[in-house]
Amino acid sequence: MARGPYTHVSMSIDPGQRPRIGISFYASITRARARVLESGRPYLVLESDEADVTVSTTGAGPVTAEDLEIAREIFNAAARYLADCERLHAEQHAQATDSAA
């Protein structure tokens, strides 16, 4: 069943636990950008029409070794996502071409 684009946001609040918020983009990300503020703090933003997600340094402070590790994880995950999207798009295009022939 195909659905239209949407963004899913959930929040869990359990006694004795920190609140947890989940955001899933099943819509076009309208913009992904990264910048460095005048203060020297880097940040990454993913935006859709319904939600924005911003990632920055721990406590909005100086870059830590942990921040570097998370940035590497984001980079590697984005590269895998790109490769998977390119592969699947090519496969879908090939199937559509075969079906049209």
PDB file of N, CA and C in Angstrom:
ATOM      1  N   MET A   1       0.836  -1.179   0.000  1.00  0.00           N
ATOM      2  CA  MET A   1       0.000   0.000   0.000  1.00  0.00           C
ATOM      3  C   MET A   1       0.881   1.243   0.000  1.00  0.00           C
ATOM      4  N   ALA A   2       0.745   2.055  -1.011  1.00  0.00           N
ATOM      5  CA  ALA A   2       1.528   3.284  -1.099  1.00  0.00           C
ATOM      6  C   ALA A   2       0.818   4.398  -0.342  1.00  0.00           C
ATOM      7  N   ARG A   3       1.579   5.170   0.388  1.00  0.00           N
ATOM      8  CA  ARG A   3       1.045   6.309   1.130  1.00  0.00           C
ATOM      9  C   ARG A   3       1.630   7.581   0.558  1.00  0.00           C
ATOM     10  N   GLY A   4       0.948   8.661   0.827  1.00  0.00           N
ATOM     11  CA  GLY A   4       1.505   9.956   0.471  1.00  0.00           C
ATOM     12  C   GLY A   4       2.602  10.317   1.455  1.00  0.00           C
ATOM     13  N   PRO A   5       3.368  11.340   1.148  1.00  0.00           N
ATOM     14  CA  PRO A   5       4.441  11.757   2.055  1.00  0.00           C
ATOM     15  C   PRO A   5       3.887  12.222   3.398  1.00  0.00           C
ATOM     16  N   TYR A   6       4.634  11.925   4.460  1.00  0.00           N
ATOM     17  CA  TYR A   6       4.236  12.391   5.789  1.00  0.00           C
ATOM     18  C   TYR A   6       5.439  12.398   6.717  1.00  0.00           C
ATOM     19  N   THR A   7       5.314  13.113   7.817  1.00  0.00           N
ATOM     20  CA  THR A   7       6.314  13.135   8.877  1.00  0.00           C
ATOM     21  C   THR A   7       5.646  12.623  10.134  1.00  0.00           C
ATOM     22  N   HIS A   8       6.285  11.666  10.797  1.00  0.00           N
ATOM     23  CA  HIS A   8       5.725  11.066  12.011  1.00  0.00           C
ATOM     24  C   HIS A   8       6.535  11.567  13.208  1.00  0.00           C
ATOM     25  N   VAL A   9       5.843  12.124  14.195  1.00  0.00           N
ATOM     26  CA  VAL A   9       6.484  12.597  15.411  1.00  0.00           C
ATOM     27  C   VAL A   9       5.834  11.885  16.590  1.00  0.00           C
ATOM     28  N   SER A  10       6.655  11.333  17.477  1.00  0.00           N
ATOM     29  CA  SER A  10       6.121  10.670  18.666  1.00  0.00           C
ATOM     30  C   SER A  10       6.892  11.142  19.892  1.00  0.00           C
ATOM     31  N   MET A  11       6.226  11.052  21.042  1.00  0.00           N
ATOM     32  CA  MET A  11       6.866  11.428  22.295  1.00  0.00           C
ATOM     33  C   MET A  11       6.434  10.445  23.363  1.00  0.00           C
ATOM     34  N   SER A  12       7.416   9.926  24.096  1.00  0.00           N
ATOM     35  CA  SER A  12       7.143   9.006  25.201  1.00  0.00           C
ATOM     36  C   SER A  12       7.600   9.648  26.494  1.00  0.00           C
ATOM     37  N   ILE A  13       6.706   9.634  27.472  1.00  0.00           N
ATOM     38  CA  ILE A  13       7.049  10.145  28.795  1.00  0.00           C
ATOM     39  C   ILE A  13       6.694   9.055  29.790  1.00  0.00           C
ATOM     40  N   ASP A  14       7.725   8.444  30.347  1.00  0.00           N
ATOM     41  CA  ASP A  14       7.527   7.382  31.334  1.00  0.00           C
ATOM     42  C   ASP A  14       8.057   7.840  32.680  1.00  0.00           C
ATOM     43  N   PRO A  15       7.359   7.493  33.768  1.00  0.00           N
ATOM     44  CA  PRO A  15       7.825   7.896  35.097  1.00  0.00           C
ATOM     45  C   PRO A  15       9.261   7.420  35.343  1.00  0.00           C
ATOM     46  N   GLY A  16      10.079   8.304  35.863  1.00  0.00           N
ATOM     47  CA  GLY A  16      11.453   7.960  36.189  1.00  0.00           C
ATOM     48  C   GLY A  16      12.394   7.899  35.000  1.00  0.00           C
ATOM     49  N   GLN A  17      11.908   8.196  33.815  1.00  0.00           N
ATOM     50  CA  GLN A  17      12.730   8.152  32.605  1.00  0.00           C
ATOM     51  C   GLN A  17      12.770   9.536  31.966  1.00  0.00           C
ATOM     52  N   ARG A  18      13.795   9.766  31.175  1.00  0.00           N
ATOM     53  CA  ARG A  18      13.857  11.008  30.407  1.00  0.00           C
ATOM     54  C   ARG A  18      12.858  10.910  29.259  1.00  0.00           C
ATOM     55  N   PRO A  19      12.180  11.998  28.916  1.00  0.00           N
ATOM     56  CA  PRO A  19      11.278  11.963  27.761  1.00  0.00           C
ATOM     57  C   PRO A  19      12.046  11.594  26.495  1.00  0.00           C
ATOM     58  N   ARG A  20      11.364  10.922  25.580  1.00  0.00           N
ATOM     59  CA  ARG A  20      11.981  10.516  24.312  1.00  0.00           C
ATOM     60  C   ARG A  20      11.096  10.993  23.168  1.00  0.00           C
ATOM     61  N   ILE A  21      11.720  11.686  22.203  1.00  0.00           N
ATOM     62  CA  ILE A  21      11.013  12.198  21.033  1.00  0.00           C
ATOM     63  C   ILE A  21      11.582  11.502  19.799  1.00  0.00           C
ATOM     64  N   GLY A  22      10.696  11.030  18.936  1.00  0.00           N
ATOM     65  CA  GLY A  22      11.103  10.415  17.681  1.00  0.00           C
ATOM     66  C   GLY A  22      10.522  11.195  16.514  1.00  0.00           C
ATOM     67  N   ILE A  23      11.329  11.438  15.505  1.00  0.00           N
ATOM     68  CA  ILE A  23      10.865  12.116  14.295  1.00  0.00           C
ATOM     69  C   ILE A  23      11.300  11.270  13.105  1.00  0.00           C
ATOM     70  N   SER A  24      10.332  10.870  12.294  1.00  0.00           N
ATOM     71  CA  SER A  24      10.609  10.084  11.090  1.00  0.00           C
ATOM     72  C   SER A  24      10.109  10.853   9.883  1.00  0.00           C
ATOM     73  N   PHE A  25      10.993  11.087   8.940  1.00  0.00           N
ATOM     74  CA  PHE A  25      10.627  11.772   7.706  1.00  0.00           C
ATOM     75  C   PHE A  25      10.263  10.731   6.650  1.00  0.00           C
ATOM     76  N   TYR A  26       8.998  10.663   6.285  1.00  0.00           N
ATOM     77  CA  TYR A  26       8.545   9.852   5.162  1.00  0.00           C
ATOM     78  C   TYR A  26       8.021  10.813   4.098  1.00  0.00           C
ATOM     79  N   ALA A  27       8.638  11.957   4.087  1.00  0.00           N
ATOM     80  CA  ALA A  27       8.314  13.034   3.150  1.00  0.00           C
ATOM     81  C   ALA A  27       9.637  13.540   2.604  1.00  0.00           C
ATOM     82  N   SER A  28       9.546  14.343   1.599  1.00  0.00           N
ATOM     83  CA  SER A  28      10.768  14.918   1.060  1.00  0.00           C
ATOM     84  C   SER A  28      11.401  15.836   2.087  1.00  0.00           C
ATOM     85  N   ILE A  29      12.683  15.626   2.301  1.00  0.00           N
ATOM     86  CA  ILE A  29      13.442  16.583   3.085  1.00  0.00           C
ATOM     87  C   ILE A  29      13.604  17.786   2.160  1.00  0.00           C
ATOM     88  N   THR A  30      13.105  18.919   2.587  1.00  0.00           N
ATOM     89  CA  THR A  30      13.163  20.080   1.715  1.00  0.00           C
ATOM     90  C   THR A  30      14.549  20.723   1.712  1.00  0.00           C
ATOM     91  N   ARG A  31      15.291  20.461   2.793  1.00  0.00           N
ATOM     92  CA  ARG A  31      16.628  21.034   2.842  1.00  0.00           C
ATOM     93  C   ARG A  31      17.463  20.305   3.885  1.00  0.00           C
ATOM     94  N   ALA A  32      18.718  20.074   3.542  1.00  0.00           N
ATOM     95  CA  ALA A  32      19.713  19.577   4.484  1.00  0.00           C
ATOM     96  C   ALA A  32      20.876  20.545   4.393  1.00  0.00           C
ATOM     97  N   ARG A  33      21.287  21.078   5.515  1.00  0.00           N
ATOM     98  CA  ARG A  33      22.372  22.055   5.472  1.00  0.00           C
ATOM     99  C   ARG A  33      23.254  21.930   6.699  1.00  0.00           C
ATOM    100  N   ALA A  34      24.467  22.367   6.551  1.00  0.00           N
ATOM    101  CA  ALA A  34      25.415  22.397   7.659  1.00  0.00           C
ATOM    102  C   ALA A  34      26.137  23.733   7.612  1.00  0.00           C
ATOM    103  N   ARG A  35      26.343  24.299   8.763  1.00  0.00           N
ATOM    104  CA  ARG A  35      27.006  25.594   8.858  1.00  0.00           C
ATOM    105  C   ARG A  35      27.830  25.640  10.156  1.00  0.00           C
ATOM    106  N   VAL A  36      28.617  26.689  10.258  1.00  0.00           N
ATOM    107  CA  VAL A  36      29.324  26.980  11.504  1.00  0.00           C
ATOM    108  C   VAL A  36      28.897  28.378  11.929  1.00  0.00           C
ATOM    109  N   LEU A  37      28.393  28.478  13.155  1.00  0.00           N
ATOM    110  CA  LEU A  37      27.970  29.779  13.686  1.00  0.00           C
ATOM    111  C   LEU A  37      29.180  30.672  13.945  1.00  0.00           C
ATOM    112  N   GLU A  38      28.934  31.964  14.089  1.00  0.00           N
ATOM    113  CA  GLU A  38      30.020  32.902  14.403  1.00  0.00           C
ATOM    114  C   GLU A  38      30.753  32.499  15.672  1.00  0.00           C
ATOM    115  N   SER A  39      30.058  31.835  16.573  1.00  0.00           N
ATOM    116  CA  SER A  39      30.674  31.385  17.824  1.00  0.00           C
ATOM    117  C   SER A  39      31.643  30.226  17.598  1.00  0.00           C
ATOM    118  N   GLY A  40      31.627  29.663  16.386  1.00  0.00           N
ATOM    119  CA  GLY A  40      32.497  28.536  16.087  1.00  0.00           C
ATOM    120  C   GLY A  40      31.832  27.186  16.276  1.00  0.00           C
ATOM    121  N   ARG A  41      30.543  27.184  16.578  1.00  0.00           N
ATOM    122  CA  ARG A  41      29.827  25.924  16.801  1.00  0.00           C
ATOM    123  C   ARG A  41      29.217  25.431  15.500  1.00  0.00           C
ATOM    124  N   PRO A  42      29.551  24.193  15.083  1.00  0.00           N
ATOM    125  CA  PRO A  42      28.958  23.639  13.871  1.00  0.00           C
ATOM    126  C   PRO A  42      27.562  23.083  14.155  1.00  0.00           C
ATOM    127  N   TYR A  43      26.730  23.042  13.118  1.00  0.00           N
ATOM    128  CA  TYR A  43      25.431  22.399  13.265  1.00  0.00           C
ATOM    129  C   TYR A  43      24.973  21.834  11.933  1.00  0.00           C
ATOM    130  N   LEU A  44      24.089  20.861  12.014  1.00  0.00           N
ATOM    131  CA  LEU A  44      23.498  20.185  10.865  1.00  0.00           C
ATOM    132  C   LEU A  44      21.992  20.256  11.024  1.00  0.00           C
ATOM    133  N   VAL A  45      21.284  20.597   9.941  1.00  0.00           N
ATOM    134  CA  VAL A  45      19.826  20.709   9.989  1.00  0.00           C
ATOM    135  C   VAL A  45      19.213  19.878   8.866  1.00  0.00           C
ATOM    136  N   LEU A  46      18.197  19.095   9.191  1.00  0.00           N
ATOM    137  CA  LEU A  46      17.344  18.423   8.214  1.00  0.00           C
ATOM    138  C   LEU A  46      15.964  19.031   8.371  1.00  0.00           C
ATOM    139  N   GLU A  47      15.388  19.496   7.252  1.00  0.00           N
ATOM    140  CA  GLU A  47      14.099  20.182   7.313  1.00  0.00           C
ATOM    141  C   GLU A  47      13.108  19.540   6.355  1.00  0.00           C
ATOM    142  N   SER A  48      11.860  19.481   6.791  1.00  0.00           N
ATOM    143  CA  SER A  48      10.741  19.156   5.910  1.00  0.00           C
ATOM    144  C   SER A  48       9.704  20.245   6.132  1.00  0.00           C
ATOM    145  N   ASP A  49       8.573  20.132   5.447  1.00  0.00           N
ATOM    146  CA  ASP A  49       7.520  21.121   5.660  1.00  0.00           C
ATOM    147  C   ASP A  49       6.946  21.028   7.067  1.00  0.00           C
ATOM    148  N   GLU A  50       7.054  19.840   7.696  1.00  0.00           N
ATOM    149  CA  GLU A  50       6.419  19.622   8.997  1.00  0.00           C
ATOM    150  C   GLU A  50       7.356  19.709  10.188  1.00  0.00           C
ATOM    151  N   ALA A  51       8.653  19.475   9.989  1.00  0.00           N
ATOM    152  CA  ALA A  51       9.556  19.400  11.142  1.00  0.00           C
ATOM    153  C   ALA A  51      10.978  19.752  10.748  1.00  0.00           C
ATOM    154  N   ASP A  52      11.744  20.189  11.723  1.00  0.00           N
ATOM    155  CA  ASP A  52      13.175  20.433  11.579  1.00  0.00           C
ATOM    156  C   ASP A  52      13.893  19.623  12.647  1.00  0.00           C
ATOM    157  N   VAL A  53      15.049  19.076  12.293  1.00  0.00           N
ATOM    158  CA  VAL A  53      15.907  18.403  13.254  1.00  0.00           C
ATOM    159  C   VAL A  53      17.272  19.056  13.158  1.00  0.00           C
ATOM    160  N   THR A  54      17.788  19.510  14.282  1.00  0.00           N
ATOM    161  CA  THR A  54      19.088  20.152  14.331  1.00  0.00           C
ATOM    162  C   THR A  54      20.016  19.327  15.214  1.00  0.00           C
ATOM    163  N   VAL A  55      21.233  19.115  14.738  1.00  0.00           N
ATOM    164  CA  VAL A  55      22.261  18.401  15.482  1.00  0.00           C
ATOM    165  C   VAL A  55      23.423  19.359  15.657  1.00  0.00           C
ATOM    166  N   SER A  56      23.931  19.455  16.883  1.00  0.00           N
ATOM    167  CA  SER A  56      25.084  20.306  17.133  1.00  0.00           C
ATOM    168  C   SER A  56      25.936  19.673  18.221  1.00  0.00           C
ATOM    169  N   THR A  57      26.900  20.428  18.693  1.00  0.00           N
ATOM    170  CA  THR A  57      27.850  19.918  19.661  1.00  0.00           C
ATOM    171  C   THR A  57      27.212  19.724  21.040  1.00  0.00           C
ATOM    172  N   THR A  58      27.855  18.898  21.843  1.00  0.00           N
ATOM    173  CA  THR A  58      27.373  18.597  23.188  1.00  0.00           C
ATOM    174  C   THR A  58      27.232  19.875  24.006  1.00  0.00           C
ATOM    175  N   GLY A  59      26.029  20.104  24.516  1.00  0.00           N
ATOM    176  CA  GLY A  59      25.786  21.285  25.333  1.00  0.00           C
ATOM    177  C   GLY A  59      25.983  22.589  24.593  1.00  0.00           C
ATOM    178  N   ALA A  60      25.959  22.539  23.264  1.00  0.00           N
ATOM    179  CA  ALA A  60      26.188  23.721  22.420  1.00  0.00           C
ATOM    180  C   ALA A  60      27.542  24.352  22.718  1.00  0.00           C
ATOM    181  N   GLY A  61      28.494  23.510  23.134  1.00  0.00           N
ATOM    182  CA  GLY A  61      29.820  24.013  23.492  1.00  0.00           C
ATOM    183  C   GLY A  61      30.872  23.634  22.477  1.00  0.00           C
ATOM    184  N   PRO A  62      32.131  23.647  22.912  1.00  0.00           N
ATOM    185  CA  PRO A  62      33.237  23.300  22.026  1.00  0.00           C
ATOM    186  C   PRO A  62      33.103  21.859  21.519  1.00  0.00           C
ATOM    187  N   VAL A  63      33.705  21.580  20.382  1.00  0.00           N
ATOM    188  CA  VAL A  63      33.658  20.245  19.778  1.00  0.00           C
ATOM    189  C   VAL A  63      34.457  19.273  20.646  1.00  0.00           C
ATOM    190  N   THR A  64      33.792  18.173  21.018  1.00  0.00           N
ATOM    191  CA  THR A  64      34.442  17.140  21.834  1.00  0.00           C
ATOM    192  C   THR A  64      34.796  15.937  20.961  1.00  0.00           C
ATOM    193  N   ALA A  65      35.574  15.020  21.521  1.00  0.00           N
ATOM    194  CA  ALA A  65      35.898  13.776  20.804  1.00  0.00           C
ATOM    195  C   ALA A  65      34.615  12.991  20.503  1.00  0.00           C
ATOM    196  N   GLU A  66      33.653  13.041  21.417  1.00  0.00           N
ATOM    197  CA  GLU A  66      32.378  12.356  21.195  1.00  0.00           C
ATOM    198  C   GLU A  66      31.603  12.995  20.046  1.00  0.00           C
ATOM    199  N   ASP A  67      31.669  14.334  19.948  1.00  0.00           N
ATOM    200  CA  ASP A  67      31.023  15.032  18.837  1.00  0.00           C
ATOM    201  C   ASP A  67      31.623  14.590  17.510  1.00  0.00           C
ATOM    202  N   LEU A  68      32.950  14.443  17.464  1.00  0.00           N
ATOM    203  CA  LEU A  68      33.611  13.971  16.248  1.00  0.00           C
ATOM    204  C   LEU A  68      33.138  12.574  15.874  1.00  0.00           C
ATOM    205  N   GLU A  69      33.008  11.697  16.858  1.00  0.00           N
ATOM    206  CA  GLU A  69      32.562  10.331  16.587  1.00  0.00           C
ATOM    207  C   GLU A  69      31.131  10.319  16.048  1.00  0.00           C
ATOM    208  N   ILE A  70      30.254  11.109  16.634  1.00  0.00           N
ATOM    209  CA  ILE A  70      28.870  11.182  16.137  1.00  0.00           C
ATOM    210  C   ILE A  70      28.844  11.751  14.724  1.00  0.00           C
ATOM    211  N   ALA A  71      29.652  12.786  14.451  1.00  0.00           N
ATOM    212  CA  ALA A  71      29.704  13.367  13.107  1.00  0.00           C
ATOM    213  C   ALA A  71      30.164  12.322  12.091  1.00  0.00           C
ATOM    214  N   ARG A  72      31.131  11.490  12.465  1.00  0.00           N
ATOM    215  CA  ARG A  72      31.578  10.409  11.574  1.00  0.00           C
ATOM    216  C   ARG A  72      30.464   9.395  11.337  1.00  0.00           C
ATOM    217  N   GLU A  73      29.729   9.055  12.394  1.00  0.00           N
ATOM    218  CA  GLU A  73      28.611   8.118  12.253  1.00  0.00           C
ATOM    219  C   GLU A  73      27.545   8.683  11.314  1.00  0.00           C
ATOM    220  N   ILE A  74      27.230   9.970  11.458  1.00  0.00           N
ATOM    221  CA  ILE A  74      26.252  10.617  10.573  1.00  0.00           C
ATOM    222  C   ILE A  74      26.749  10.575   9.133  1.00  0.00           C
ATOM    223  N   PHE A  75      28.019  10.910   8.922  1.00  0.00           N
ATOM    224  CA  PHE A  75      28.604  10.908   7.585  1.00  0.00           C
ATOM    225  C   PHE A  75      28.525   9.509   6.964  1.00  0.00           C
ATOM    226  N   ASN A  76      28.941   8.492   7.707  1.00  0.00           N
ATOM    227  CA  ASN A  76      28.924   7.122   7.188  1.00  0.00           C
ATOM    228  C   ASN A  76      27.503   6.631   6.922  1.00  0.00           C
ATOM    229  N   ALA A  77      26.576   6.958   7.803  1.00  0.00           N
ATOM    230  CA  ALA A  77      25.180   6.553   7.596  1.00  0.00           C
ATOM    231  C   ALA A  77      24.595   7.262   6.379  1.00  0.00           C
ATOM    232  N   ALA A  78      24.899   8.536   6.198  1.00  0.00           N
ATOM    233  CA  ALA A  78      24.403   9.274   5.028  1.00  0.00           C
ATOM    234  C   ALA A  78      24.990   8.705   3.741  1.00  0.00           C
ATOM    235  N   ALA A  79      26.255   8.311   3.765  1.00  0.00           N
ATOM    236  CA  ALA A  79      26.881   7.716   2.576  1.00  0.00           C
ATOM    237  C   ALA A  79      26.218   6.378   2.235  1.00  0.00           C
ATOM    238  N   ARG A  80      25.921   5.568   3.255  1.00  0.00           N
ATOM    239  CA  ARG A  80      25.223   4.292   3.012  1.00  0.00           C
ATOM    240  C   ARG A  80      23.816   4.543   2.473  1.00  0.00           C
ATOM    241  N   TYR A  81      23.123   5.525   3.033  1.00  0.00           N
ATOM    242  CA  TYR A  81      21.775   5.868   2.577  1.00  0.00           C
ATOM    243  C   TYR A  81      21.804   6.303   1.115  1.00  0.00           C
ATOM    244  N   LEU A  82      22.771   7.146   0.758  1.00  0.00           N
ATOM    245  CA  LEU A  82      22.918   7.587  -0.625  1.00  0.00           C
ATOM    246  C   LEU A  82      23.170   6.396  -1.544  1.00  0.00           C
ATOM    247  N   ALA A  83      24.090   5.529  -1.182  1.00  0.00           N
ATOM    248  CA  ALA A  83      24.405   4.362  -2.017  1.00  0.00           C
ATOM    249  C   ALA A  83      23.184   3.466  -2.189  1.00  0.00           C
ATOM    250  N   ASP A  84      22.440   3.233  -1.116  1.00  0.00           N
ATOM    251  CA  ASP A  84      21.230   2.407  -1.208  1.00  0.00           C
ATOM    252  C   ASP A  84      20.178   3.062  -2.095  1.00  0.00           C
ATOM    253  N   CYS A  85      19.984   4.370  -1.935  1.00  0.00           N
ATOM    254  CA  CYS A  85      19.011   5.079  -2.770  1.00  0.00           C
ATOM    255  C   CYS A  85      19.404   5.022  -4.239  1.00  0.00           C
ATOM    256  N   GLU A  86      20.690   5.235  -4.532  1.00  0.00           N
ATOM    257  CA  GLU A  86      21.144   5.175  -5.922  1.00  0.00           C
ATOM    258  C   GLU A  86      20.944   3.781  -6.510  1.00  0.00           C
ATOM    259  N   ARG A  87      21.297   2.747  -5.750  1.00  0.00           N
ATOM    260  CA  ARG A  87      21.142   1.375  -6.219  1.00  0.00           C
ATOM    261  C   ARG A  87      19.677   1.037  -6.465  1.00  0.00           C
ATOM    262  N   LEU A  88      18.828   1.334  -5.511  1.00  0.00           N
ATOM    263  CA  LEU A  88      17.406   1.009  -5.641  1.00  0.00           C
ATOM    264  C   LEU A  88      16.750   1.816  -6.754  1.00  0.00           C
ATOM    265  N   HIS A  89      17.135   3.069  -6.903  1.00  0.00           N
ATOM    266  CA  HIS A  89      16.587   3.893  -7.978  1.00  0.00           C
ATOM    267  C   HIS A  89      16.960   3.305  -9.332  1.00  0.00           C
ATOM    268  N   ALA A  90      18.211   2.888  -9.474  1.00  0.00           N
ATOM    269  CA  ALA A  90      18.655   2.287 -10.729  1.00  0.00           C
ATOM    270  C   ALA A  90      17.896   0.992 -11.009  1.00  0.00           C
ATOM    271  N   GLU A  91      17.697   0.175  -9.977  1.00  0.00           N
ATOM    272  CA  GLU A  91      16.949  -1.080 -10.138  1.00  0.00           C
ATOM    273  C   GLU A  91      15.499  -0.808 -10.534  1.00  0.00           C
ATOM    274  N   GLN A  92      14.881   0.169  -9.892  1.00  0.00           N
ATOM    275  CA  GLN A  92      13.489   0.507 -10.207  1.00  0.00           C
ATOM    276  C   GLN A  92      13.377   1.065 -11.618  1.00  0.00           C
ATOM    277  N   HIS A  93      14.351   1.867 -12.025  1.00  0.00           N
ATOM    278  CA  HIS A  93      14.354   2.429 -13.374  1.00  0.00           C
ATOM    279  C   HIS A  93      14.510   1.305 -14.396  1.00  0.00           C
ATOM    280  N   ALA A  94      15.389   0.350 -14.118  1.00  0.00           N
ATOM    281  CA  ALA A  94      15.603  -0.774 -15.021  1.00  0.00           C
ATOM    282  C   ALA A  94      14.332  -1.629 -15.131  1.00  0.00           C
ATOM    283  N   GLN A  95      13.660  -1.861 -13.998  1.00  0.00           N
ATOM    284  CA  GLN A  95      12.404  -2.640 -14.028  1.00  0.00           C
ATOM    285  C   GLN A  95      11.335  -1.914 -14.823  1.00  0.00           C
ATOM    286  N   ALA A  96      11.246  -0.603 -14.641  1.00  0.00           N
ATOM    287  CA  ALA A  96      10.245   0.168 -15.376  1.00  0.00           C
ATOM    288  C   ALA A  96      10.538   0.141 -16.868  1.00  0.00           C
ATOM    289  N   THR A  97      11.800   0.214 -17.222  1.00  0.00           N
ATOM    290  CA  THR A  97      12.200   0.160 -18.636  1.00  0.00           C
ATOM    291  C   THR A  97      11.883  -1.209 -19.223  1.00  0.00           C
ATOM    292  N   ASP A  98      12.177  -2.277 -18.478  1.00  0.00           N
ATOM    293  CA  ASP A  98      11.875  -3.642 -18.928  1.00  0.00           C
ATOM    294  C   ASP A  98      10.370  -3.839 -19.106  1.00  0.00           C
ATOM    295  N   SER A  99       9.583  -3.300 -18.182  1.00  0.00           N
ATOM    296  CA  SER A  99       8.118  -3.447 -18.260  1.00  0.00           C
ATOM    297  C   SER A  99       7.525  -2.696 -19.445  1.00  0.00           C
ATOM    298  N   ALA A 100       8.139  -1.571 -19.785  1.00  0.00           N
ATOM    299  CA  ALA A 100       7.641  -0.756 -20.897  1.00  0.00           C
ATOM    300  C   ALA A 100       7.986  -1.363 -22.251  1.00  0.00           C
ATOM    301  N   ALA A 101       8.999  -2.228 -22.265  1.00  0.00           N
ATOM    302  CA  ALA A 101       9.452  -2.824 -23.555  1.00  0.00           C
ATOM    303  C   ALA A 101       8.585  -3.970 -24.006  1.00  0.00           C
TER     304      ALA A 101
END
